[in-house]
C-alpha cells in the first residue's frame, strides 16, 4: 500500500506538465497502476 501511494504522488504531478495526448494517456495508465498497487496491498493485508 505504501509504495503504491508513494508512486501516486509523482505520477499525479506529471499530469500537470504533459504536452501531448499520448503523454496524458501514459500518465493516467501509470496512475491507475499506482492506485491498483495501493488497493491490492491493502486488500491483501486486511484479509
PDB file of N, CA and C in Angstrom:
ATOM      1  N   UNK A   1       0.823  -1.187   0.000  1.00  0.00           N
ATOM      2  CA  UNK A   1       0.000   0.000   0.000  1.00  0.00           C
ATOM      3  C   UNK A   1       0.865   1.248   0.000  1.00  0.00           C
ATOM      4  N   UNK A   2       1.890   1.250   0.824  1.00  0.00           N
ATOM      5  CA  UNK A   2       2.728   2.437   0.948  1.00  0.00           C
ATOM      6  C   UNK A   2       3.388   2.802  -0.374  1.00  0.00           C
ATOM      7  N   UNK A   3       3.959   1.801  -1.070  1.00  0.00           N
ATOM      8  CA  UNK A   3       4.665   2.105  -2.316  1.00  0.00           C
ATOM      9  C   UNK A   3       3.710   2.527  -3.421  1.00  0.00           C
ATOM     10  N   UNK A   4       2.502   2.021  -3.409  1.00  0.00           N
ATOM     11  CA  UNK A   4       1.510   2.479  -4.382  1.00  0.00           C
ATOM     12  C   UNK A   4       1.173   3.943  -4.169  1.00  0.00           C
ATOM     13  N   UNK A   5       1.046   4.351  -2.912  1.00  0.00           N
ATOM     14  CA  UNK A   5       0.775   5.758  -2.611  1.00  0.00           C
ATOM     15  C   UNK A   5       1.982   6.631  -2.917  1.00  0.00           C
ATOM     16  N   UNK A   6       3.175   6.115  -2.662  1.00  0.00           N
ATOM     17  CA  UNK A   6       4.388   6.868  -2.985  1.00  0.00           C
ATOM     18  C   UNK A   6       4.491   7.074  -4.494  1.00  0.00           C
ATOM     19  N   UNK A   7       4.157   6.068  -5.273  1.00  0.00           N
ATOM     20  CA  UNK A   7       4.197   6.186  -6.734  1.00  0.00           C
ATOM     21  C   UNK A   7       3.117   7.127  -7.249  1.00  0.00           C
ATOM     22  N   UNK A   8       2.046   7.247  -6.524  1.00  0.00           N
ATOM     23  CA  UNK A   8       0.928   8.075  -6.967  1.00  0.00           C
ATOM     24  C   UNK A   8       1.272   9.564  -6.979  1.00  0.00           C
ATOM     25  N   UNK A   9       2.103  10.009  -6.065  1.00  0.00           N
ATOM     26  CA  UNK A   9       2.425  11.436  -5.972  1.00  0.00           C
ATOM     27  C   UNK A   9       3.140  11.948  -7.228  1.00  0.00           C
ATOM     28  N   UNK A  10       4.273  11.380  -7.646  1.00  0.00           N
ATOM     29  CA  UNK A  10       4.926  11.913  -8.847  1.00  0.00           C
ATOM     30  C   UNK A  10       4.117  11.712 -10.119  1.00  0.00           C
ATOM     31  N   UNK A  11       3.385  10.603 -10.185  1.00  0.00           N
ATOM     32  CA  UNK A  11       2.568  10.356 -11.376  1.00  0.00           C
ATOM     33  C   UNK A  11       1.485  11.425 -11.502  1.00  0.00           C
ATOM     34  N   UNK A  12       0.884  11.793 -10.394  1.00  0.00           N
ATOM     35  CA  UNK A  12      -0.137  12.844 -10.419  1.00  0.00           C
ATOM     36  C   UNK A  12       0.476  14.194 -10.784  1.00  0.00           C
ATOM     37  N   UNK A  13       1.653  14.478 -10.279  1.00  0.00           N
ATOM     38  CA  UNK A  13       2.324  15.736 -10.621  1.00  0.00           C
ATOM     39  C   UNK A  13       2.675  15.807 -12.105  1.00  0.00           C
ATOM     40  N   UNK A  14       3.073  14.689 -12.687  1.00  0.00           N
ATOM     41  CA  UNK A  14       3.434  14.653 -14.106  1.00  0.00           C
ATOM     42  C   UNK A  14       2.255  15.062 -14.976  1.00  0.00           C
ATOM     43  N   UNK A  15       1.058  14.746 -14.552  1.00  0.00           N
ATOM     44  CA  UNK A  15      -0.125  15.061 -15.354  1.00  0.00           C
ATOM     45  C   UNK A  15      -0.280  16.557 -15.588  1.00  0.00           C
ATOM     46  N   UNK A  16       0.284  17.367 -14.715  1.00  0.00           N
ATOM     47  CA  UNK A  16       0.196  18.809 -14.903  1.00  0.00           C
ATOM     48  C   UNK A  16       1.164  19.358 -15.927  1.00  0.00           C
ATOM     49  N   UNK A  17       2.114  18.544 -16.376  1.00  0.00           N
ATOM     50  CA  UNK A  17       3.155  19.025 -17.286  1.00  0.00           C
ATOM     51  C   UNK A  17       3.136  18.355 -18.650  1.00  0.00           C
ATOM     52  N   UNK A  18       2.126  17.560 -18.935  1.00  0.00           N
ATOM     53  CA  UNK A  18       2.081  16.873 -20.223  1.00  0.00           C
ATOM     54  C   UNK A  18       1.772  17.866 -21.340  1.00  0.00           C
ATOM     55  N   UNK A  19       2.329  17.593 -22.519  1.00  0.00           N
ATOM     56  CA  UNK A  19       2.109  18.477 -23.669  1.00  0.00           C
ATOM     57  C   UNK A  19       1.475  17.752 -24.849  1.00  0.00           C
ATOM     58  N   UNK A  20       1.321  16.449 -24.731  1.00  0.00           N
ATOM     59  CA  UNK A  20       0.722  15.673 -25.814  1.00  0.00           C
ATOM     60  C   UNK A  20      -0.285  14.698 -25.222  1.00  0.00           C
ATOM     61  N   UNK A  21      -1.236  14.322 -26.050  1.00  0.00           N
ATOM     62  CA  UNK A  21      -2.293  13.435 -25.562  1.00  0.00           C
ATOM     63  C   UNK A  21      -1.746  12.062 -25.171  1.00  0.00           C
ATOM     64  N   UNK A  22      -0.746  11.557 -25.887  1.00  0.00           N
ATOM     65  CA  UNK A  22      -0.195  10.245 -25.545  1.00  0.00           C
ATOM     66  C   UNK A  22       0.490  10.287 -24.183  1.00  0.00           C
ATOM     67  N   UNK A  23       1.061  11.438 -23.826  1.00  0.00           N
ATOM     68  CA  UNK A  23       1.687  11.561 -22.516  1.00  0.00           C
ATOM     69  C   UNK A  23       0.637  11.512 -21.403  1.00  0.00           C
ATOM     70  N   UNK A  24      -0.503  12.131 -21.649  1.00  0.00           N
ATOM     71  CA  UNK A  24      -1.581  12.089 -20.666  1.00  0.00           C
ATOM     72  C   UNK A  24      -2.118  10.671 -20.516  1.00  0.00           C
ATOM     73  N   UNK A  25      -2.243   9.973 -21.621  1.00  0.00           N
ATOM     74  CA  UNK A  25      -2.709   8.587 -21.558  1.00  0.00           C
ATOM     75  C   UNK A  25      -1.720   7.734 -20.765  1.00  0.00           C
ATOM     76  N   UNK A  26      -0.428   7.915 -21.016  1.00  0.00           N
ATOM     77  CA  UNK A  26       0.595   7.153 -20.281  1.00  0.00           C
ATOM     78  C   UNK A  26       0.570   7.501 -18.800  1.00  0.00           C
ATOM     79  N   UNK A  27       0.387   8.778 -18.486  1.00  0.00           N
ATOM     80  CA  UNK A  27       0.343   9.191 -17.083  1.00  0.00           C
ATOM     81  C   UNK A  27      -0.881   8.614 -16.383  1.00  0.00           C
ATOM     82  N   UNK A  28      -2.009   8.574 -17.073  1.00  0.00           N
ATOM     83  CA  UNK A  28      -3.216   8.007 -16.481  1.00  0.00           C
ATOM     84  C   UNK A  28      -3.084   6.497 -16.265  1.00  0.00           C
ATOM     85  N   UNK A  29      -2.419   5.815 -17.193  1.00  0.00           N
ATOM     86  CA  UNK A  29      -2.184   4.374 -17.023  1.00  0.00           C
ATOM     87  C   UNK A  29      -1.288   4.144 -15.811  1.00  0.00           C
ATOM     88  N   UNK A  30      -0.232   4.958 -15.689  1.00  0.00           N
ATOM     89  CA  UNK A  30       0.666   4.835 -14.541  1.00  0.00           C
ATOM     90  C   UNK A  30      -0.071   5.150 -13.242  1.00  0.00           C
ATOM     91  N   UNK A  31      -0.960   6.136 -13.285  1.00  0.00           N
ATOM     92  CA  UNK A  31      -1.738   6.479 -12.093  1.00  0.00           C
ATOM     93  C   UNK A  31      -2.649   5.313 -11.713  1.00  0.00           C
ATOM     94  N   UNK A  32      -3.267   4.705 -12.683  1.00  0.00           N
ATOM     95  CA  UNK A  32      -4.126   3.552 -12.416  1.00  0.00           C
ATOM     96  C   UNK A  32      -3.347   2.384 -11.828  1.00  0.00           C
ATOM     97  N   UNK A  33      -2.132   2.171 -12.322  1.00  0.00           N
ATOM     98  CA  UNK A  33      -1.292   1.098 -11.776  1.00  0.00           C
ATOM     99  C   UNK A  33      -0.912   1.393 -10.327  1.00  0.00           C
ATOM    100  N   UNK A  34      -0.614   2.655 -10.033  1.00  0.00           N
ATOM    101  CA  UNK A  34      -0.240   3.024  -8.663  1.00  0.00           C
ATOM    102  C   UNK A  34      -1.418   2.850  -7.715  1.00  0.00           C
ATOM    103  N   UNK A  35      -2.594   3.262  -8.145  1.00  0.00           N
ATOM    104  CA  UNK A  35      -3.789   3.091  -7.310  1.00  0.00           C
ATOM    105  C   UNK A  35      -4.087   1.608  -7.127  1.00  0.00           C
ATOM    106  N   UNK A  36      -3.947   0.843  -8.197  1.00  0.00           N
ATOM    107  CA  UNK A  36      -4.165  -0.597  -8.110  1.00  0.00           C
ATOM    108  C   UNK A  36      -3.196  -1.252  -7.140  1.00  0.00           C
ATOM    109  N   UNK A  37      -1.933  -0.818  -7.177  1.00  0.00           N
ATOM    110  CA  UNK A  37      -0.941  -1.375  -6.254  1.00  0.00           C
ATOM    111  C   UNK A  37      -1.300  -1.030  -4.816  1.00  0.00           C
ATOM    112  N   UNK A  38      -1.764   0.174  -4.592  1.00  0.00           N
ATOM    113  CA  UNK A  38      -2.138   0.578  -3.232  1.00  0.00           C
ATOM    114  C   UNK A  38      -3.351  -0.218  -2.749  1.00  0.00           C
ATOM    115  N   UNK A  39      -4.322  -0.429  -3.615  1.00  0.00           N
ATOM    116  CA  UNK A  39      -5.530  -1.151  -3.213  1.00  0.00           C
ATOM    117  C   UNK A  39      -5.278  -2.638  -3.016  1.00  0.00           C
ATOM    118  N   UNK A  40      -4.505  -3.230  -3.905  1.00  0.00           N
ATOM    119  CA  UNK A  40      -4.239  -4.661  -3.799  1.00  0.00           C
ATOM    120  C   UNK A  40      -3.483  -4.957  -2.514  1.00  0.00           C
ATOM    121  N   UNK A  41      -2.480  -4.165  -2.224  1.00  0.00           N
ATOM    122  CA  UNK A  41      -1.710  -4.399  -1.000  1.00  0.00           C
ATOM    123  C   UNK A  41      -2.576  -4.204   0.237  1.00  0.00           C
ATOM    124  N   UNK A  42      -3.474  -3.231   0.209  1.00  0.00           N
ATOM    125  CA  UNK A  42      -4.313  -3.024   1.391  1.00  0.00           C
ATOM    126  C   UNK A  42      -5.344  -4.159   1.526  1.00  0.00           C
ATOM    127  N   UNK A  43      -5.828  -4.685   0.410  1.00  0.00           N
ATOM    128  CA  UNK A  43      -6.788  -5.785   0.467  1.00  0.00           C
ATOM    129  C   UNK A  43      -6.112  -7.055   0.965  1.00  0.00           C
ATOM    130  N   UNK A  44      -4.882  -7.305   0.547  1.00  0.00           N
ATOM    131  CA  UNK A  44      -4.161  -8.491   0.979  1.00  0.00           C
ATOM    132  C   UNK A  44      -3.864  -8.394   2.472  1.00  0.00           C
ATOM    133  N   UNK A  45      -3.471  -7.223   2.924  1.00  0.00           N
ATOM    134  CA  UNK A  45      -3.132  -7.029   4.326  1.00  0.00           C
ATOM    135  C   UNK A  45      -4.362  -7.189   5.216  1.00  0.00           C
ATOM    136  N   UNK A  46      -5.539  -6.718   4.748  1.00  0.00           N
ATOM    137  CA  UNK A  46      -6.750  -6.774   5.551  1.00  0.00           C
ATOM    138  C   UNK A  46      -7.385  -8.161   5.588  1.00  0.00           C
ATOM    139  N   UNK A  47      -7.007  -9.020   4.641  1.00  0.00           N
ATOM    140  CA  UNK A  47      -7.637 -10.348   4.555  1.00  0.00           C
ATOM    141  C   UNK A  47      -7.173 -11.265   5.653  1.00  0.00           C
TER     142      UNK A  47
END
